[in-house]
Amino acid sequence: MACDVLEGKQHKMVCPRCGATYSYLRSKRVGDRVYQYAVHYSGKGKERRARYCYLGPSGTYRYVEDLLGLDLGGLSSFDVVSVIEAAVDRLYSLKGRGTNLPLSRLESIVERIMGLIQRM
């Protein structure tokens, strides 16, 4: 079973794309960019096969980030809290431009986040 050491404890390395454990991360260079893949092995001996899950670029999605005004990394380094913070900052900037925001949806999201926080 694939494990990683974090603060003296072992934990499974779970692929953020498919949810299965993976053996290791593989980097592949294409031009000036480096992309990350989770490597899954199945079978044994001569029957051993590798399956790869694409996790995104090492670093950031530079074009999408510029377009959306958000800091986005690949799945191998995804930080959901940072994305939420950036999204809230983006909402503040839109509010100042007189943009009509979907208030009922935003209130629903806030309620869901508050419920999650209370359960933690």
C-alpha atoms as a PDB file:
ATOM      1  CA  MET A   1       0.000   0.000   0.000  1.00  0.00           C
ATOM      2  CA  ALA A   2       1.302   3.446  -0.886  1.00  0.00           C
ATOM      3  CA  CYS A   3       2.105   5.608   2.110  1.00  0.00           C
ATOM      4  CA  ASP A   4       3.675   8.963   2.735  1.00  0.00           C
ATOM      5  CA  VAL A   5       5.195  10.310   5.936  1.00  0.00           C
ATOM      6  CA  LEU A   6       3.684  13.496   7.327  1.00  0.00           C
ATOM      7  CA  GLU A   7       4.544  14.774  10.797  1.00  0.00           C
ATOM      8  CA  GLY A   8       5.783  11.320  11.817  1.00  0.00           C
ATOM      9  CA  LYS A   9       2.551   9.581  10.767  1.00  0.00           C
ATOM     10  CA  GLN A  10       1.941   7.423   7.721  1.00  0.00           C
ATOM     11  CA  HIS A  11      -1.090   8.066   5.565  1.00  0.00           C
ATOM     12  CA  LYS A  12      -2.347   6.697   2.282  1.00  0.00           C
ATOM     13  CA  MET A  13      -1.519   8.676  -0.818  1.00  0.00           C
ATOM     14  CA  VAL A  14      -4.991   9.072  -2.295  1.00  0.00           C
ATOM     15  CA  CYS A  15      -5.390  10.282  -5.859  1.00  0.00           C
ATOM     16  CA  PRO A  16      -7.486  13.469  -5.899  1.00  0.00           C
ATOM     17  CA  ARG A  17      -8.796  12.589  -9.364  1.00  0.00           C
ATOM     18  CA  CYS A  18     -10.016   8.981  -8.937  1.00  0.00           C
ATOM     19  CA  GLY A  19      -9.846   8.384  -5.158  1.00  0.00           C
ATOM     20  CA  ALA A  20      -7.624   5.274  -5.430  1.00  0.00           C
ATOM     21  CA  THR A  21      -4.271   4.986  -3.677  1.00  0.00           C
ATOM     22  CA  TYR A  22      -1.274   5.629  -5.897  1.00  0.00           C
ATOM     23  CA  SER A  23       2.336   4.487  -5.824  1.00  0.00           C
ATOM     24  CA  TYR A  24       4.082   7.770  -6.573  1.00  0.00           C
ATOM     25  CA  LEU A  25       3.819  11.080  -8.440  1.00  0.00           C
ATOM     26  CA  ARG A  26       5.428  11.359 -11.864  1.00  0.00           C
ATOM     27  CA  SER A  27       6.470  14.625 -13.485  1.00  0.00           C
ATOM     28  CA  LYS A  28       6.503  15.052 -17.255  1.00  0.00           C
ATOM     29  CA  ARG A  29       8.066  18.046 -19.000  1.00  0.00           C
ATOM     30  CA  VAL A  30       6.342  19.393 -22.103  1.00  0.00           C
ATOM     31  CA  GLY A  31       8.020  22.488 -23.487  1.00  0.00           C
ATOM     32  CA  ASP A  32       8.571  24.908 -20.619  1.00  0.00           C
ATOM     33  CA  ARG A  33       5.842  23.383 -18.417  1.00  0.00           C
ATOM     34  CA  VAL A  34       5.950  20.401 -16.032  1.00  0.00           C
ATOM     35  CA  TYR A  35       2.811  18.294 -15.469  1.00  0.00           C
ATOM     36  CA  GLN A  36       2.039  15.943 -12.549  1.00  0.00           C
ATOM     37  CA  TYR A  37       0.547  12.444 -12.781  1.00  0.00           C
ATOM     38  CA  ALA A  38      -0.426   9.975 -10.048  1.00  0.00           C
ATOM     39  CA  VAL A  39       0.892   6.505 -10.969  1.00  0.00           C
ATOM     40  CA  HIS A  40      -1.357   3.554 -10.062  1.00  0.00           C
ATOM     41  CA  TYR A  41      -0.103  -0.020 -10.398  1.00  0.00           C
ATOM     42  CA  SER A  42      -2.266  -3.100 -10.790  1.00  0.00           C
ATOM     43  CA  GLY A  43      -1.315  -6.750 -11.164  1.00  0.00           C
ATOM     44  CA  LYS A  44       1.967  -8.445 -10.264  1.00  0.00           C
ATOM     45  CA  GLY A  45       5.046  -9.651 -12.099  1.00  0.00           C
ATOM     46  CA  LYS A  46       4.655  -9.689 -15.871  1.00  0.00           C
ATOM     47  CA  GLU A  47       0.990  -8.726 -15.477  1.00  0.00           C
ATOM     48  CA  ARG A  48       1.864  -5.479 -13.686  1.00  0.00           C
ATOM     49  CA  ARG A  49       0.386  -2.465 -15.453  1.00  0.00           C
ATOM     50  CA  ALA A  50       0.595   1.246 -14.744  1.00  0.00           C
ATOM     51  CA  ARG A  51      -2.331   3.657 -14.988  1.00  0.00           C
ATOM     52  CA  TYR A  52      -1.798   7.416 -14.847  1.00  0.00           C
ATOM     53  CA  CYS A  53      -4.152  10.111 -13.562  1.00  0.00           C
ATOM     54  CA  TYR A  54      -3.442  13.640 -14.726  1.00  0.00           C
ATOM     55  CA  LEU A  55      -3.264  16.023 -11.762  1.00  0.00           C
ATOM     56  CA  GLY A  56      -2.419  19.254 -13.530  1.00  0.00           C
ATOM     57  CA  PRO A  57       0.640  21.409 -13.939  1.00  0.00           C
ATOM     58  CA  SER A  58       3.387  21.792 -11.373  1.00  0.00           C
ATOM     59  CA  GLY A  59       2.904  25.311 -10.159  1.00  0.00           C
ATOM     60  CA  THR A  60      -0.175  27.095 -11.421  1.00  0.00           C
ATOM     61  CA  TYR A  61      -2.637  27.366 -14.288  1.00  0.00           C
ATOM     62  CA  ARG A  62      -1.177  30.657 -15.463  1.00  0.00           C
ATOM     63  CA  TYR A  63      -3.686  31.515 -18.226  1.00  0.00           C
ATOM     64  CA  VAL A  64      -6.806  30.553 -16.273  1.00  0.00           C
ATOM     65  CA  GLU A  65      -5.546  32.386 -13.201  1.00  0.00           C
ATOM     66  CA  ASP A  66      -5.079  35.603 -15.140  1.00  0.00           C
ATOM     67  CA  LEU A  67      -8.520  35.311 -16.706  1.00  0.00           C
ATOM     68  CA  LEU A  68     -10.393  34.542 -13.458  1.00  0.00           C
ATOM     69  CA  GLY A  69      -8.212  36.440 -11.008  1.00  0.00           C
ATOM     70  CA  LEU A  70      -7.788  33.290  -8.871  1.00  0.00           C
ATOM     71  CA  ASP A  71      -4.666  31.407  -7.774  1.00  0.00           C
ATOM     72  CA  LEU A  72      -5.140  27.830  -8.998  1.00  0.00           C
ATOM     73  CA  GLY A  73      -2.648  24.986  -8.707  1.00  0.00           C
ATOM     74  CA  GLY A  74      -2.867  21.460 -10.021  1.00  0.00           C
ATOM     75  CA  LEU A  75      -4.657  18.750  -8.070  1.00  0.00           C
ATOM     76  CA  SER A  76      -1.388  17.581  -6.554  1.00  0.00           C
ATOM     77  CA  SER A  77      -1.101  20.877  -4.663  1.00  0.00           C
ATOM     78  CA  PHE A  78      -4.749  21.953  -4.448  1.00  0.00           C
ATOM     79  CA  ASP A  79      -5.577  24.118  -1.414  1.00  0.00           C
ATOM     80  CA  VAL A  80      -9.346  24.563  -1.238  1.00  0.00           C
ATOM     81  CA  VAL A  81      -9.198  27.173   1.549  1.00  0.00           C
ATOM     82  CA  SER A  82      -6.935  29.420  -0.526  1.00  0.00           C
ATOM     83  CA  VAL A  83      -9.300  29.101  -3.486  1.00  0.00           C
ATOM     84  CA  ILE A  84     -12.275  30.082  -1.282  1.00  0.00           C
ATOM     85  CA  GLU A  85     -10.332  33.100   0.038  1.00  0.00           C
ATOM     86  CA  ALA A  86      -9.451  34.170  -3.496  1.00  0.00           C
ATOM     87  CA  ALA A  87     -13.059  33.705  -4.621  1.00  0.00           C
ATOM     88  CA  VAL A  88     -14.296  35.920  -1.765  1.00  0.00           C
ATOM     89  CA  ASP A  89     -11.726  38.569  -2.723  1.00  0.00           C
ATOM     90  CA  ARG A  90     -12.987  38.333  -6.313  1.00  0.00           C
ATOM     91  CA  LEU A  91     -16.583  38.820  -5.120  1.00  0.00           C
ATOM     92  CA  TYR A  92     -15.541  41.981  -3.281  1.00  0.00           C
ATOM     93  CA  SER A  93     -13.948  43.340  -6.447  1.00  0.00           C
ATOM     94  CA  LEU A  94     -17.077  42.535  -8.491  1.00  0.00           C
ATOM     95  CA  LYS A  95     -19.334  44.197  -5.909  1.00  0.00           C
ATOM     96  CA  GLY A  96     -17.447  47.461  -6.357  1.00  0.00           C
ATOM     97  CA  ARG A  97     -18.219  47.393 -10.107  1.00  0.00           C
ATOM     98  CA  GLY A  98     -21.985  47.293  -9.641  1.00  0.00           C
ATOM     99  CA  THR A  99     -22.235  43.666 -10.780  1.00  0.00           C
ATOM    100  CA  ASN A 100     -25.466  41.886  -9.849  1.00  0.00           C
ATOM    101  CA  LEU A 101     -24.355  38.974  -7.680  1.00  0.00           C
ATOM    102  CA  PRO A 102     -26.589  35.904  -7.119  1.00  0.00           C
ATOM    103  CA  LEU A 103     -27.300  36.697  -3.457  1.00  0.00           C
ATOM    104  CA  SER A 104     -29.516  33.671  -2.754  1.00  0.00           C
ATOM    105  CA  ARG A 105     -26.823  31.307  -4.048  1.00  0.00           C
ATOM    106  CA  LEU A 106     -24.151  33.099  -2.034  1.00  0.00           C
ATOM    107  CA  GLU A 107     -26.276  32.868   1.133  1.00  0.00           C
ATOM    108  CA  SER A 108     -26.774  29.144   0.513  1.00  0.00           C
ATOM    109  CA  ILE A 109     -23.014  28.643   0.127  1.00  0.00           C
ATOM    110  CA  VAL A 110     -22.315  30.566   3.342  1.00  0.00           C
ATOM    111  CA  GLU A 111     -24.869  28.411   5.219  1.00  0.00           C
ATOM    112  CA  ARG A 112     -23.212  25.236   3.930  1.00  0.00           C
ATOM    113  CA  ILE A 113     -19.759  26.450   4.962  1.00  0.00           C
ATOM    114  CA  MET A 114     -21.028  27.442   8.426  1.00  0.00           C
ATOM    115  CA  GLY A 115     -22.619  23.995   8.835  1.00  0.00           C
ATOM    116  CA  LEU A 116     -19.332  22.371   7.885  1.00  0.00           C
ATOM    117  CA  ILE A 117     -17.397  24.520  10.371  1.00  0.00           C
ATOM    118  CA  GLN A 118     -19.813  23.598  13.165  1.00  0.00           C
ATOM    119  CA  ARG A 119     -19.291  19.878  12.458  1.00  0.00           C
ATOM    120  CA  MET A 120     -15.478  20.172  12.569  1.00  0.00           C
END
